[in-house]
Amino acid sequence: MEPVCHVGEAAVRRLRELDLTPEDVHRAIAGGLAEARLCTEMDAPGMAGYAFWSRSNRTFRERMTPNAWTFSNAQSILRTINPSGTFAITAVSGSGMVGEEAADFTGDVRTKNPKGSAVAKLVERNFKQLPLFPVFDEDAEDEVEVNDLPTWFLLYKSSNAGMMFELSLPVQMHGKYVDSWRERIIIDDNPFLGAEFDIKRLDEIPAAAPVDVPVEFKGAV
């Protein structure tokens, strides 16, 4: 199967095939942004990015589990699993041309942070399980192990232009970075454009200068 990028109405249709709507994706991004904005210079460096990652996955789960989706934290990958048990989704920070239709399927979009062996195996399984859907027989009696499920990445990237995002299926890594994709779904409607949605600025706030507080020790009485 040749790589394909879905945009506009094609993206909405593809999401529908995955039991999703643009609003489901927007809600995950909005949840991450809300949590990241609670961070201040008093937090640890990088806390805004970590908060966004955790809360975007949590918010997506909270929205989807009433619709019979489930979730797993196996191998520290925060997966939300489709009711049919045929695929999973996890929100992951990205870099490069995230959310841009013109991006090539290899190299132009990649994960922001290096990934370990668990993600490497996940990506390898994605590649081996093409064509994509259906991958497993939904009538099979045996439950599919979560680590064997094809897993999509909800990639997000913060910049002074705002928050860019896409839902994409990873199929290859170079070094420790996932950078090759079989499908990319780009939603035209992006309500998170503008510098006010840039969480990187929260992680780049200079730490406050240390304050010397005089302490007078009194002798024992």
N, C-alpha and C. Protein backbone atom coordinates (compact mmCIF):
# COMPACT_ATOMS: atom_id res chain seq x y z
N MET A 1 0.83 -1.20 0.00
CA MET A 1 0.00 0.00 0.00
C MET A 1 0.87 1.24 0.00
N GLU A 2 0.57 2.17 -0.90
CA GLU A 2 1.32 3.41 -0.96
C GLU A 2 0.92 4.33 0.20
N PRO A 3 1.87 5.09 0.73
CA PRO A 3 1.52 6.05 1.78
C PRO A 3 0.47 7.03 1.30
N VAL A 4 -0.39 7.46 2.20
CA VAL A 4 -1.46 8.37 1.82
C VAL A 4 -1.66 9.42 2.90
N CYS A 5 -1.90 10.65 2.47
CA CYS A 5 -2.18 11.76 3.38
C CYS A 5 -3.63 12.20 3.17
N HIS A 6 -4.44 12.10 4.21
CA HIS A 6 -5.84 12.50 4.14
C HIS A 6 -5.99 13.93 4.66
N VAL A 7 -6.61 14.79 3.88
CA VAL A 7 -6.87 16.17 4.30
C VAL A 7 -8.31 16.53 3.98
N GLY A 8 -8.79 17.60 4.59
CA GLY A 8 -10.14 18.07 4.29
C GLY A 8 -11.20 17.02 4.59
N GLU A 9 -12.14 16.86 3.66
CA GLU A 9 -13.22 15.89 3.84
C GLU A 9 -12.70 14.47 3.89
N ALA A 10 -11.61 14.19 3.17
CA ALA A 10 -11.03 12.85 3.20
C ALA A 10 -10.53 12.52 4.61
N ALA A 11 -10.00 13.52 5.31
CA ALA A 11 -9.54 13.30 6.68
C ALA A 11 -10.70 12.98 7.60
N VAL A 12 -11.80 13.70 7.43
CA VAL A 12 -12.99 13.46 8.26
C VAL A 12 -13.53 12.06 8.01
N ARG A 13 -13.56 11.66 6.73
CA ARG A 13 -14.04 10.31 6.41
C ARG A 13 -13.13 9.25 7.02
N ARG A 14 -11.83 9.46 6.94
CA ARG A 14 -10.89 8.47 7.48
C ARG A 14 -11.03 8.38 8.99
N LEU A 15 -11.21 9.52 9.65
CA LEU A 15 -11.44 9.49 11.09
C LEU A 15 -12.71 8.70 11.42
N ARG A 16 -13.74 8.91 10.62
CA ARG A 16 -15.00 8.20 10.85
C ARG A 16 -14.78 6.68 10.74
N GLU A 17 -13.95 6.26 9.80
CA GLU A 17 -13.63 4.83 9.67
C GLU A 17 -12.93 4.29 10.92
N LEU A 18 -12.25 5.18 11.64
CA LEU A 18 -11.57 4.80 12.86
C LEU A 18 -12.42 5.07 14.10
N ASP A 19 -13.72 5.33 13.90
CA ASP A 19 -14.65 5.63 14.99
C ASP A 19 -14.29 6.91 15.72
N LEU A 20 -13.80 7.89 14.98
CA LEU A 20 -13.38 9.16 15.55
C LEU A 20 -14.03 10.33 14.82
N THR A 21 -14.00 11.49 15.47
CA THR A 21 -14.42 12.74 14.84
C THR A 21 -13.32 13.77 15.07
N PRO A 22 -13.30 14.86 14.30
CA PRO A 22 -12.33 15.92 14.58
C PRO A 22 -12.43 16.44 16.01
N GLU A 23 -13.65 16.48 16.55
CA GLU A 23 -13.84 16.98 17.90
C GLU A 23 -13.14 16.10 18.93
N ASP A 24 -13.06 14.79 18.68
CA ASP A 24 -12.34 13.90 19.59
C ASP A 24 -10.87 14.28 19.67
N VAL A 25 -10.29 14.58 18.52
CA VAL A 25 -8.89 14.98 18.47
C VAL A 25 -8.71 16.35 19.13
N HIS A 26 -9.59 17.27 18.82
CA HIS A 26 -9.50 18.61 19.39
C HIS A 26 -9.58 18.55 20.92
N ARG A 27 -10.43 17.71 21.44
CA ARG A 27 -10.59 17.63 22.89
C ARG A 27 -9.29 17.18 23.57
N ALA A 28 -8.60 16.22 22.95
CA ALA A 28 -7.33 15.76 23.52
C ALA A 28 -6.31 16.89 23.55
N ILE A 29 -6.21 17.65 22.45
CA ILE A 29 -5.26 18.76 22.39
C ILE A 29 -5.64 19.84 23.41
N ALA A 30 -6.92 20.16 23.50
CA ALA A 30 -7.37 21.18 24.44
C ALA A 30 -7.07 20.78 25.88
N GLY A 31 -7.25 19.51 26.20
CA GLY A 31 -6.95 19.05 27.55
C GLY A 31 -5.48 19.18 27.89
N GLY A 32 -4.62 18.84 26.94
CA GLY A 32 -3.19 18.99 27.16
C GLY A 32 -2.80 20.44 27.35
N LEU A 33 -3.38 21.32 26.54
CA LEU A 33 -3.07 22.74 26.66
C LEU A 33 -3.50 23.30 28.01
N ALA A 34 -4.69 22.91 28.46
CA ALA A 34 -5.19 23.41 29.74
C ALA A 34 -4.25 23.04 30.88
N GLU A 35 -3.74 21.83 30.86
CA GLU A 35 -2.83 21.39 31.93
C GLU A 35 -1.48 22.08 31.82
N ALA A 36 -0.96 22.21 30.61
CA ALA A 36 0.34 22.83 30.43
C ALA A 36 0.33 24.28 30.90
N ARG A 37 -0.80 24.95 30.71
CA ARG A 37 -0.88 26.36 31.09
C ARG A 37 -0.88 26.57 32.59
N LEU A 38 -1.07 25.51 33.37
CA LEU A 38 -0.99 25.63 34.82
C LEU A 38 0.45 25.69 35.31
N CYS A 39 1.39 25.35 34.43
CA CYS A 39 2.80 25.33 34.83
C CYS A 39 3.35 26.75 34.91
N THR A 40 4.25 26.96 35.85
CA THR A 40 4.90 28.25 36.03
C THR A 40 6.41 28.03 36.13
N GLU A 41 7.13 29.13 36.31
CA GLU A 41 8.59 29.04 36.47
C GLU A 41 8.97 28.29 37.74
N MET A 42 8.00 28.07 38.61
CA MET A 42 8.27 27.31 39.84
C MET A 42 8.31 25.81 39.58
N ASP A 43 7.81 25.39 38.43
CA ASP A 43 7.85 23.96 38.09
C ASP A 43 9.23 23.57 37.59
N ALA A 44 9.44 22.26 37.51
CA ALA A 44 10.69 21.75 36.95
C ALA A 44 10.79 22.10 35.48
N PRO A 45 12.01 22.32 34.97
CA PRO A 45 12.17 22.57 33.53
C PRO A 45 11.55 21.43 32.71
N GLY A 46 10.83 21.79 31.67
CA GLY A 46 10.20 20.77 30.82
C GLY A 46 8.87 20.26 31.33
N MET A 47 8.40 20.80 32.46
CA MET A 47 7.17 20.28 33.04
C MET A 47 5.97 20.54 32.15
N ALA A 48 5.93 21.67 31.46
CA ALA A 48 4.78 21.97 30.60
C ALA A 48 4.63 20.91 29.51
N GLY A 49 5.73 20.51 28.92
CA GLY A 49 5.67 19.47 27.89
C GLY A 49 5.22 18.14 28.45
N TYR A 50 5.73 17.78 29.62
CA TYR A 50 5.32 16.52 30.25
C TYR A 50 3.84 16.56 30.61
N ALA A 51 3.40 17.70 31.15
CA ALA A 51 2.00 17.84 31.55
C ALA A 51 1.09 17.72 30.33
N PHE A 52 1.50 18.33 29.21
CA PHE A 52 0.69 18.25 28.00
C PHE A 52 0.57 16.80 27.55
N TRP A 53 1.67 16.07 27.52
CA TRP A 53 1.66 14.67 27.07
C TRP A 53 0.72 13.83 27.93
N SER A 54 0.85 13.95 29.25
CA SER A 54 0.03 13.13 30.14
C SER A 54 -1.45 13.50 30.03
N ARG A 55 -1.76 14.79 30.07
CA ARG A 55 -3.15 15.19 30.12
C ARG A 55 -3.84 15.04 28.77
N SER A 56 -3.12 15.19 27.66
CA SER A 56 -3.76 14.98 26.36
C SER A 56 -4.20 13.53 26.22
N ASN A 57 -3.38 12.60 26.68
CA ASN A 57 -3.77 11.19 26.65
C ASN A 57 -4.93 10.94 27.60
N ARG A 58 -4.86 11.52 28.80
CA ARG A 58 -5.95 11.31 29.76
C ARG A 58 -7.26 11.88 29.23
N THR A 59 -7.21 13.10 28.67
CA THR A 59 -8.44 13.72 28.18
C THR A 59 -9.05 12.92 27.04
N PHE A 60 -8.19 12.39 26.16
CA PHE A 60 -8.69 11.55 25.07
C PHE A 60 -9.37 10.31 25.63
N ARG A 61 -8.78 9.70 26.64
CA ARG A 61 -9.37 8.52 27.26
C ARG A 61 -10.71 8.85 27.91
N GLU A 62 -10.76 9.98 28.60
CA GLU A 62 -12.00 10.35 29.28
C GLU A 62 -13.12 10.59 28.27
N ARG A 63 -12.77 11.09 27.11
CA ARG A 63 -13.79 11.32 26.09
C ARG A 63 -14.23 10.02 25.43
N MET A 64 -13.30 9.08 25.23
CA MET A 64 -13.60 7.90 24.43
C MET A 64 -14.13 6.71 25.23
N THR A 65 -13.74 6.57 26.49
CA THR A 65 -14.16 5.38 27.23
C THR A 65 -15.68 5.27 27.41
N PRO A 66 -16.44 6.37 27.48
CA PRO A 66 -17.90 6.19 27.50
C PRO A 66 -18.44 5.56 26.22
N ASN A 67 -17.64 5.57 25.15
CA ASN A 67 -18.03 4.95 23.88
C ASN A 67 -17.41 3.57 23.71
N ALA A 68 -17.08 2.93 24.84
CA ALA A 68 -16.59 1.55 24.87
C ALA A 68 -15.13 1.40 24.48
N TRP A 69 -14.39 2.50 24.32
CA TRP A 69 -12.95 2.39 24.16
C TRP A 69 -12.35 1.98 25.51
N THR A 70 -11.18 1.35 25.48
CA THR A 70 -10.47 0.98 26.70
C THR A 70 -9.07 1.60 26.64
N PHE A 71 -8.25 1.31 27.64
CA PHE A 71 -6.91 1.88 27.61
C PHE A 71 -5.91 0.97 28.31
N SER A 72 -4.64 1.22 28.03
CA SER A 72 -3.55 0.44 28.63
C SER A 72 -2.32 1.32 28.76
N ASN A 73 -1.56 1.10 29.86
CA ASN A 73 -0.28 1.77 30.05
C ASN A 73 0.88 0.81 29.90
N ALA A 74 0.65 -0.33 29.24
CA ALA A 74 1.68 -1.34 29.09
C ALA A 74 2.94 -0.74 28.47
N GLN A 75 4.08 -1.08 29.04
CA GLN A 75 5.39 -0.61 28.59
C GLN A 75 5.49 0.91 28.59
N SER A 76 4.71 1.55 29.45
CA SER A 76 4.70 3.01 29.61
C SER A 76 4.28 3.74 28.33
N ILE A 77 3.52 3.06 27.47
CA ILE A 77 2.94 3.69 26.29
C ILE A 77 1.45 3.88 26.59
N LEU A 78 1.01 5.13 26.59
CA LEU A 78 -0.36 5.45 27.02
C LEU A 78 -1.33 5.24 25.86
N ARG A 79 -1.76 4.00 25.68
CA ARG A 79 -2.62 3.67 24.55
C ARG A 79 -4.10 3.72 24.93
N THR A 80 -4.90 4.25 24.00
CA THR A 80 -6.36 4.18 24.08
C THR A 80 -6.80 3.25 22.96
N ILE A 81 -7.62 2.25 23.29
CA ILE A 81 -7.88 1.13 22.40
C ILE A 81 -9.31 1.16 21.86
N ASN A 82 -9.42 1.05 20.56
CA ASN A 82 -10.71 1.04 19.88
C ASN A 82 -11.60 -0.10 20.39
N PRO A 83 -12.93 0.10 20.43
CA PRO A 83 -13.82 -0.95 20.94
C PRO A 83 -13.67 -2.29 20.25
N SER A 84 -13.32 -2.27 18.96
CA SER A 84 -13.15 -3.53 18.24
C SER A 84 -11.86 -4.25 18.62
N GLY A 85 -10.98 -3.57 19.35
CA GLY A 85 -9.71 -4.18 19.74
C GLY A 85 -8.76 -4.38 18.58
N THR A 86 -8.90 -3.57 17.52
CA THR A 86 -8.05 -3.76 16.33
C THR A 86 -6.94 -2.74 16.21
N PHE A 87 -6.98 -1.66 17.00
CA PHE A 87 -5.90 -0.69 16.96
C PHE A 87 -5.96 0.19 18.20
N ALA A 88 -4.87 0.93 18.41
CA ALA A 88 -4.78 1.84 19.55
C ALA A 88 -4.25 3.19 19.09
N ILE A 89 -4.39 4.18 19.95
CA ILE A 89 -3.91 5.54 19.67
C ILE A 89 -3.16 6.04 20.90
N THR A 90 -2.03 6.72 20.68
CA THR A 90 -1.32 7.37 21.77
C THR A 90 -0.86 8.74 21.33
N ALA A 91 -0.97 9.73 22.21
CA ALA A 91 -0.51 11.09 21.91
C ALA A 91 0.98 11.19 22.18
N VAL A 92 1.73 11.73 21.21
CA VAL A 92 3.19 11.79 21.27
C VAL A 92 3.65 13.13 20.72
N SER A 93 4.63 13.74 21.36
CA SER A 93 5.16 15.00 20.85
C SER A 93 5.97 14.76 19.57
N GLY A 94 5.82 15.68 18.61
CA GLY A 94 6.49 15.55 17.33
C GLY A 94 7.34 16.76 17.01
N SER A 95 8.09 16.67 15.91
CA SER A 95 8.88 17.80 15.44
C SER A 95 8.88 17.80 13.92
N GLY A 96 9.42 18.85 13.34
CA GLY A 96 9.42 18.95 11.89
C GLY A 96 8.10 19.49 11.38
N MET A 97 7.62 18.95 10.26
CA MET A 97 6.45 19.49 9.57
C MET A 97 5.14 18.83 10.02
N VAL A 98 4.96 18.72 11.32
CA VAL A 98 3.73 18.13 11.86
C VAL A 98 2.54 18.96 11.41
N GLY A 99 1.51 18.27 10.91
CA GLY A 99 0.28 18.95 10.51
C GLY A 99 0.35 19.66 9.17
N GLU A 100 1.44 19.48 8.42
CA GLU A 100 1.59 20.13 7.12
C GLU A 100 1.44 19.10 6.01
N GLU A 101 0.53 19.33 5.11
CA GLU A 101 0.25 18.39 4.03
C GLU A 101 1.46 18.15 3.15
N ALA A 102 2.31 19.15 2.98
CA ALA A 102 3.45 19.06 2.07
C ALA A 102 4.58 18.17 2.59
N ALA A 103 4.51 17.75 3.84
CA ALA A 103 5.58 16.95 4.42
C ALA A 103 5.71 15.61 3.73
N ASP A 104 6.94 15.16 3.54
CA ASP A 104 7.19 13.85 2.97
C ASP A 104 6.87 12.78 4.03
N PHE A 105 6.67 11.55 3.57
CA PHE A 105 6.30 10.48 4.50
C PHE A 105 7.49 9.93 5.28
N THR A 106 8.70 10.30 4.89
CA THR A 106 9.90 9.87 5.60
C THR A 106 10.80 11.07 5.83
N GLY A 107 11.07 11.36 7.09
CA GLY A 107 12.06 12.36 7.42
C GLY A 107 11.53 13.73 7.79
N ASP A 108 10.46 14.18 7.16
CA ASP A 108 9.97 15.54 7.41
C ASP A 108 9.21 15.66 8.73
N VAL A 109 8.62 14.58 9.18
CA VAL A 109 7.89 14.55 10.45
C VAL A 109 8.49 13.43 11.29
N ARG A 110 8.79 13.73 12.54
CA ARG A 110 9.34 12.69 13.41
C ARG A 110 8.94 12.95 14.85
N THR A 111 9.14 11.96 15.70
CA THR A 111 8.91 12.17 17.12
C THR A 111 9.93 13.16 17.66
N LYS A 112 9.51 13.97 18.60
CA LYS A 112 10.40 14.98 19.15
C LYS A 112 11.51 14.37 19.98
N ASN A 113 11.16 13.37 20.77
CA ASN A 113 12.12 12.77 21.70
C ASN A 113 12.53 11.38 21.25
N PRO A 114 13.75 10.95 21.57
CA PRO A 114 14.20 9.60 21.20
C PRO A 114 13.36 8.54 21.89
N LYS A 115 13.15 7.42 21.20
CA LYS A 115 12.31 6.34 21.71
C LYS A 115 13.13 5.09 21.94
N GLY A 116 12.66 4.27 22.87
CA GLY A 116 13.37 3.06 23.24
C GLY A 116 12.86 1.82 22.53
N SER A 117 13.21 0.67 23.09
CA SER A 117 12.94 -0.61 22.43
C SER A 117 11.44 -0.90 22.34
N ALA A 118 10.65 -0.47 23.33
CA ALA A 118 9.21 -0.76 23.30
C ALA A 118 8.56 -0.09 22.09
N VAL A 119 8.89 1.16 21.84
CA VAL A 119 8.33 1.86 20.69
C VAL A 119 8.90 1.29 19.40
N ALA A 120 10.17 0.91 19.41
CA ALA A 120 10.78 0.32 18.21
C ALA A 120 10.04 -0.95 17.81
N LYS A 121 9.69 -1.78 18.77
CA LYS A 121 8.94 -3.00 18.47
C LYS A 121 7.53 -2.68 17.99
N LEU A 122 6.93 -1.67 18.59
CA LEU A 122 5.59 -1.25 18.17
C LEU A 122 5.60 -0.83 16.70
N VAL A 123 6.57 -0.02 16.33
CA VAL A 123 6.66 0.47 14.95
C VAL A 123 6.93 -0.69 13.99
N GLU A 124 7.78 -1.61 14.40
CA GLU A 124 8.06 -2.77 13.55
C GLU A 124 6.81 -3.60 13.33
N ARG A 125 6.00 -3.77 14.37
CA ARG A 125 4.76 -4.53 14.23
C ARG A 125 3.79 -3.81 13.30
N ASN A 126 3.73 -2.49 13.42
CA ASN A 126 2.88 -1.72 12.51
C ASN A 126 3.24 -2.02 11.06
N PHE A 127 4.53 -2.03 10.77
CA PHE A 127 4.99 -2.24 9.40
C PHE A 127 4.62 -3.64 8.92
N LYS A 128 4.79 -4.62 9.78
CA LYS A 128 4.54 -6.00 9.39
C LYS A 128 3.06 -6.30 9.22
N GLN A 129 2.20 -5.51 9.86
CA GLN A 129 0.77 -5.81 9.87
C GLN A 129 0.00 -5.07 8.78
N LEU A 130 0.69 -4.50 7.83
CA LEU A 130 0.02 -3.91 6.67
C LEU A 130 -0.46 -5.03 5.75
N PRO A 131 -1.55 -4.87 4.98
CA PRO A 131 -2.41 -3.70 4.93
C PRO A 131 -3.09 -3.42 6.25
N LEU A 132 -3.50 -2.16 6.45
CA LEU A 132 -3.80 -1.67 7.78
C LEU A 132 -5.02 -2.27 8.43
N PHE A 133 -6.19 -2.10 7.84
CA PHE A 133 -7.42 -2.50 8.50
C PHE A 133 -8.33 -3.23 7.53
N PRO A 134 -9.03 -4.27 7.98
CA PRO A 134 -8.88 -4.84 9.31
C PRO A 134 -7.63 -5.68 9.40
N VAL A 135 -6.95 -5.60 10.54
CA VAL A 135 -5.72 -6.35 10.75
C VAL A 135 -6.01 -7.70 11.39
N PHE A 136 -6.96 -7.70 12.31
CA PHE A 136 -7.30 -8.93 13.02
C PHE A 136 -8.75 -9.31 12.74
N ASP A 137 -9.03 -10.57 12.90
CA ASP A 137 -10.38 -11.08 12.73
C ASP A 137 -11.19 -10.72 13.97
N GLU A 138 -12.18 -9.85 13.81
CA GLU A 138 -12.97 -9.41 14.95
C GLU A 138 -13.79 -10.54 15.55
N ASP A 139 -13.99 -11.62 14.80
CA ASP A 139 -14.77 -12.75 15.30
C ASP A 139 -13.91 -13.77 16.03
N ALA A 140 -12.60 -13.53 16.05
CA ALA A 140 -11.71 -14.49 16.71
C ALA A 140 -12.00 -14.52 18.21
N GLU A 141 -11.89 -15.71 18.80
CA GLU A 141 -12.19 -15.85 20.22
C GLU A 141 -11.04 -15.38 21.09
N ASP A 142 -9.82 -15.51 20.62
CA ASP A 142 -8.66 -15.14 21.42
C ASP A 142 -8.49 -13.62 21.43
N GLU A 143 -8.26 -13.07 22.61
CA GLU A 143 -8.04 -11.63 22.76
C GLU A 143 -6.64 -11.28 22.27
N VAL A 144 -6.53 -10.23 21.52
CA VAL A 144 -5.23 -9.80 21.01
C VAL A 144 -4.48 -9.07 22.11
N GLU A 145 -3.22 -9.39 22.30
CA GLU A 145 -2.40 -8.75 23.31
C GLU A 145 -2.16 -7.30 22.91
N VAL A 146 -2.25 -6.38 23.88
CA VAL A 146 -2.21 -4.96 23.57
C VAL A 146 -0.94 -4.56 22.83
N ASN A 147 0.18 -5.19 23.16
CA ASN A 147 1.44 -4.82 22.51
C ASN A 147 1.51 -5.28 21.06
N ASP A 148 0.53 -6.08 20.63
CA ASP A 148 0.49 -6.52 19.24
C ASP A 148 -0.43 -5.66 18.38
N LEU A 149 -1.11 -4.71 19.00
CA LEU A 149 -2.06 -3.89 18.24
C LEU A 149 -1.33 -2.84 17.40
N PRO A 150 -1.79 -2.61 16.17
CA PRO A 150 -1.31 -1.45 15.43
C PRO A 150 -1.61 -0.20 16.24
N THR A 151 -0.65 0.70 16.33
CA THR A 151 -0.82 1.89 17.17
C THR A 151 -0.56 3.15 16.37
N TRP A 152 -1.56 4.02 16.34
CA TRP A 152 -1.45 5.32 15.69
C TRP A 152 -0.88 6.33 16.68
N PHE A 153 -0.16 7.33 16.16
CA PHE A 153 0.35 8.41 16.98
C PHE A 153 -0.47 9.68 16.72
N LEU A 154 -1.00 10.26 17.77
CA LEU A 154 -1.55 11.61 17.69
C LEU A 154 -0.38 12.55 17.94
N LEU A 155 0.24 13.00 16.87
CA LEU A 155 1.43 13.84 16.96
C LEU A 155 1.01 15.29 17.19
N TYR A 156 1.74 15.97 18.05
CA TYR A 156 1.48 17.40 18.28
C TYR A 156 2.82 18.13 18.36
N LYS A 157 2.80 19.36 17.90
CA LYS A 157 4.01 20.18 17.90
C LYS A 157 3.66 21.60 18.30
N SER A 158 4.40 22.14 19.26
CA SER A 158 4.18 23.50 19.73
C SER A 158 5.22 24.44 19.13
N SER A 159 4.77 25.62 18.68
CA SER A 159 5.68 26.65 18.18
C SER A 159 5.00 28.00 18.37
N ASN A 160 5.70 29.07 17.99
CA ASN A 160 5.08 30.39 18.15
C ASN A 160 3.91 30.60 17.19
N ALA A 161 3.71 29.64 16.27
CA ALA A 161 2.53 29.70 15.39
C ALA A 161 1.32 29.04 16.03
N GLY A 162 1.53 28.33 17.14
CA GLY A 162 0.45 27.64 17.81
C GLY A 162 0.72 26.16 17.95
N MET A 163 -0.33 25.37 18.02
CA MET A 163 -0.22 23.92 18.18
C MET A 163 -0.64 23.24 16.88
N MET A 164 0.29 22.50 16.28
CA MET A 164 0.00 21.71 15.08
C MET A 164 -0.15 20.24 15.49
N PHE A 165 -0.99 19.50 14.76
CA PHE A 165 -1.22 18.11 15.14
C PHE A 165 -1.68 17.31 13.93
N GLU A 166 -1.53 16.00 14.03
CA GLU A 166 -2.02 15.07 13.01
C GLU A 166 -2.11 13.69 13.64
N LEU A 167 -2.93 12.83 13.06
CA LEU A 167 -3.03 11.44 13.49
C LEU A 167 -2.37 10.59 12.41
N SER A 168 -1.29 9.89 12.77
CA SER A 168 -0.50 9.21 11.75
C SER A 168 -0.07 7.83 12.23
N LEU A 169 0.13 6.93 11.26
CA LEU A 169 0.52 5.56 11.56
C LEU A 169 2.01 5.39 11.30
N PRO A 170 2.82 5.18 12.36
CA PRO A 170 4.27 5.03 12.18
C PRO A 170 4.65 3.64 11.70
N VAL A 171 5.62 3.57 10.79
CA VAL A 171 6.03 2.27 10.26
C VAL A 171 7.55 2.08 10.22
N GLN A 172 8.32 3.09 10.61
CA GLN A 172 9.77 2.92 10.57
C GLN A 172 10.45 3.95 11.45
N MET A 173 11.61 3.55 11.99
CA MET A 173 12.46 4.44 12.75
C MET A 173 13.84 4.52 12.10
N HIS A 174 14.49 5.66 12.27
CA HIS A 174 15.90 5.80 11.92
C HIS A 174 16.61 6.28 13.18
N GLY A 175 17.52 5.46 13.66
CA GLY A 175 18.10 5.75 14.96
C GLY A 175 17.03 5.57 16.03
N LYS A 176 16.92 6.53 16.91
CA LYS A 176 15.95 6.45 18.01
C LYS A 176 14.70 7.28 17.76
N TYR A 177 14.52 7.75 16.52
CA TYR A 177 13.38 8.61 16.22
C TYR A 177 12.45 7.95 15.21
N VAL A 178 11.16 7.98 15.50
CA VAL A 178 10.15 7.51 14.55
C VAL A 178 9.99 8.60 13.50
N ASP A 179 10.20 8.24 12.22
CA ASP A 179 10.17 9.30 11.19
C ASP A 179 9.57 8.86 9.86
N SER A 180 8.92 7.69 9.83
CA SER A 180 8.30 7.21 8.59
C SER A 180 6.87 6.79 8.89
N TRP A 181 5.96 7.17 7.95
CA TRP A 181 4.53 7.04 8.21
C TRP A 181 3.82 6.43 7.01
N ARG A 182 2.86 5.56 7.27
CA ARG A 182 2.08 4.95 6.19
C ARG A 182 0.83 5.78 5.87
N GLU A 183 0.22 6.33 6.91
CA GLU A 183 -0.95 7.20 6.73
C GLU A 183 -0.78 8.43 7.60
N ARG A 184 -1.24 9.57 7.07
CA ARG A 184 -1.28 10.81 7.84
C ARG A 184 -2.68 11.41 7.67
N ILE A 185 -3.30 11.76 8.79
CA ILE A 185 -4.63 12.37 8.77
C ILE A 185 -4.49 13.78 9.33
N ILE A 186 -4.75 14.77 8.48
CA ILE A 186 -4.58 16.17 8.86
C ILE A 186 -5.94 16.86 8.80
N ILE A 187 -6.39 17.35 9.95
CA ILE A 187 -7.68 18.01 10.05
C ILE A 187 -7.51 19.48 9.67
N ASP A 188 -8.32 19.94 8.72
CA ASP A 188 -8.22 21.34 8.29
C ASP A 188 -8.51 22.31 9.43
N ASP A 189 -9.52 22.02 10.20
CA ASP A 189 -9.94 22.91 11.27
C ASP A 189 -8.96 22.81 12.43
N ASN A 190 -8.22 23.90 12.69
CA ASN A 190 -7.27 23.92 13.80
C ASN A 190 -7.57 25.15 14.66
N PRO A 191 -8.25 24.97 15.78
CA PRO A 191 -8.60 26.10 16.64
C PRO A 191 -7.47 26.53 17.57
N PHE A 192 -6.28 25.97 17.38
CA PHE A 192 -5.18 26.22 18.31
C PHE A 192 -4.02 26.97 17.65
N LEU A 193 -4.34 27.83 16.68
CA LEU A 193 -3.32 28.63 16.01
C LEU A 193 -3.12 29.95 16.75
N GLY A 194 -1.87 30.37 16.85
CA GLY A 194 -1.56 31.62 17.53
C GLY A 194 -0.57 31.40 18.66
N ALA A 195 0.22 32.42 18.95
CA ALA A 195 1.29 32.30 19.94
C ALA A 195 0.77 31.94 21.33
N GLU A 196 -0.50 32.26 21.61
CA GLU A 196 -1.05 31.96 22.93
C GLU A 196 -1.16 30.46 23.19
N PHE A 197 -1.09 29.65 22.13
CA PHE A 197 -1.17 28.20 22.28
C PHE A 197 0.21 27.53 22.25
N ASP A 198 1.26 28.32 22.32
CA ASP A 198 2.63 27.79 22.28
C ASP A 198 3.06 27.38 23.68
N ILE A 199 3.10 26.08 23.97
CA ILE A 199 3.51 25.65 25.30
C ILE A 199 5.02 25.68 25.47
N LYS A 200 5.77 25.74 24.38
CA LYS A 200 7.23 25.81 24.50
C LYS A 200 7.65 27.04 25.30
N ARG A 201 6.91 28.13 25.16
CA ARG A 201 7.27 29.35 25.87
C ARG A 201 7.18 29.14 27.38
N LEU A 202 6.29 28.23 27.81
CA LEU A 202 6.16 27.96 29.23
C LEU A 202 7.38 27.22 29.77
N ASP A 203 7.96 26.36 28.92
CA ASP A 203 9.15 25.62 29.34
C ASP A 203 10.42 26.43 29.19
N GLU A 204 10.34 27.57 28.50
CA GLU A 204 11.53 28.38 28.27
C GLU A 204 11.59 29.62 29.15
N ILE A 205 10.65 29.75 30.11
CA ILE A 205 10.68 30.87 31.05
C ILE A 205 11.93 30.74 31.91
N PRO A 206 12.78 31.78 31.95
CA PRO A 206 13.98 31.69 32.77
C PRO A 206 13.62 31.48 34.24
N ALA A 207 14.42 30.67 34.87
CA ALA A 207 14.19 30.45 36.29
C ALA A 207 14.42 31.74 37.06
N ALA A 208 13.62 31.97 38.06
CA ALA A 208 13.77 33.18 38.87
C ALA A 208 15.12 33.17 39.56
N ALA A 209 15.71 34.34 39.70
CA ALA A 209 17.00 34.45 40.38
C ALA A 209 16.85 34.01 41.82
N PRO A 210 17.85 33.31 42.34
CA PRO A 210 17.76 32.86 43.74
C PRO A 210 17.70 34.05 44.69
N VAL A 211 16.95 33.89 45.72
CA VAL A 211 16.79 34.95 46.72
C VAL A 211 17.49 34.54 48.00
N ASP A 212 18.39 35.40 48.45
CA ASP A 212 19.08 35.12 49.71
C ASP A 212 18.19 35.56 50.86
N VAL A 213 17.88 34.63 51.72
CA VAL A 213 17.05 34.94 52.89
C VAL A 213 17.92 34.81 54.13
N PRO A 214 18.16 35.93 54.81
CA PRO A 214 19.00 35.84 56.01
C PRO A 214 18.32 35.01 57.09
N VAL A 215 19.07 34.12 57.65
CA VAL A 215 18.56 33.27 58.73
C VAL A 215 19.44 33.45 59.95
N GLU A 216 18.84 33.82 61.02
CA GLU A 216 19.59 34.03 62.28
C GLU A 216 19.36 32.83 63.19
N PHE A 217 20.44 32.13 63.50
CA PHE A 217 20.33 30.98 64.39
C PHE A 217 20.58 31.45 65.82
N LYS A 218 19.66 31.14 66.67
CA LYS A 218 19.79 31.50 68.07
C LYS A 218 20.42 30.36 68.83
N GLY A 219 21.19 30.71 69.78
CA GLY A 219 21.83 29.70 70.60
C GLY A 219 20.82 28.95 71.45
N ALA A 220 21.19 27.77 71.83
CA ALA A 220 20.30 26.96 72.65
C ALA A 220 20.05 27.67 73.96
N VAL A 221 18.82 27.58 74.43
CA VAL A 221 18.46 28.21 75.70
C VAL A 221 18.89 27.31 76.84
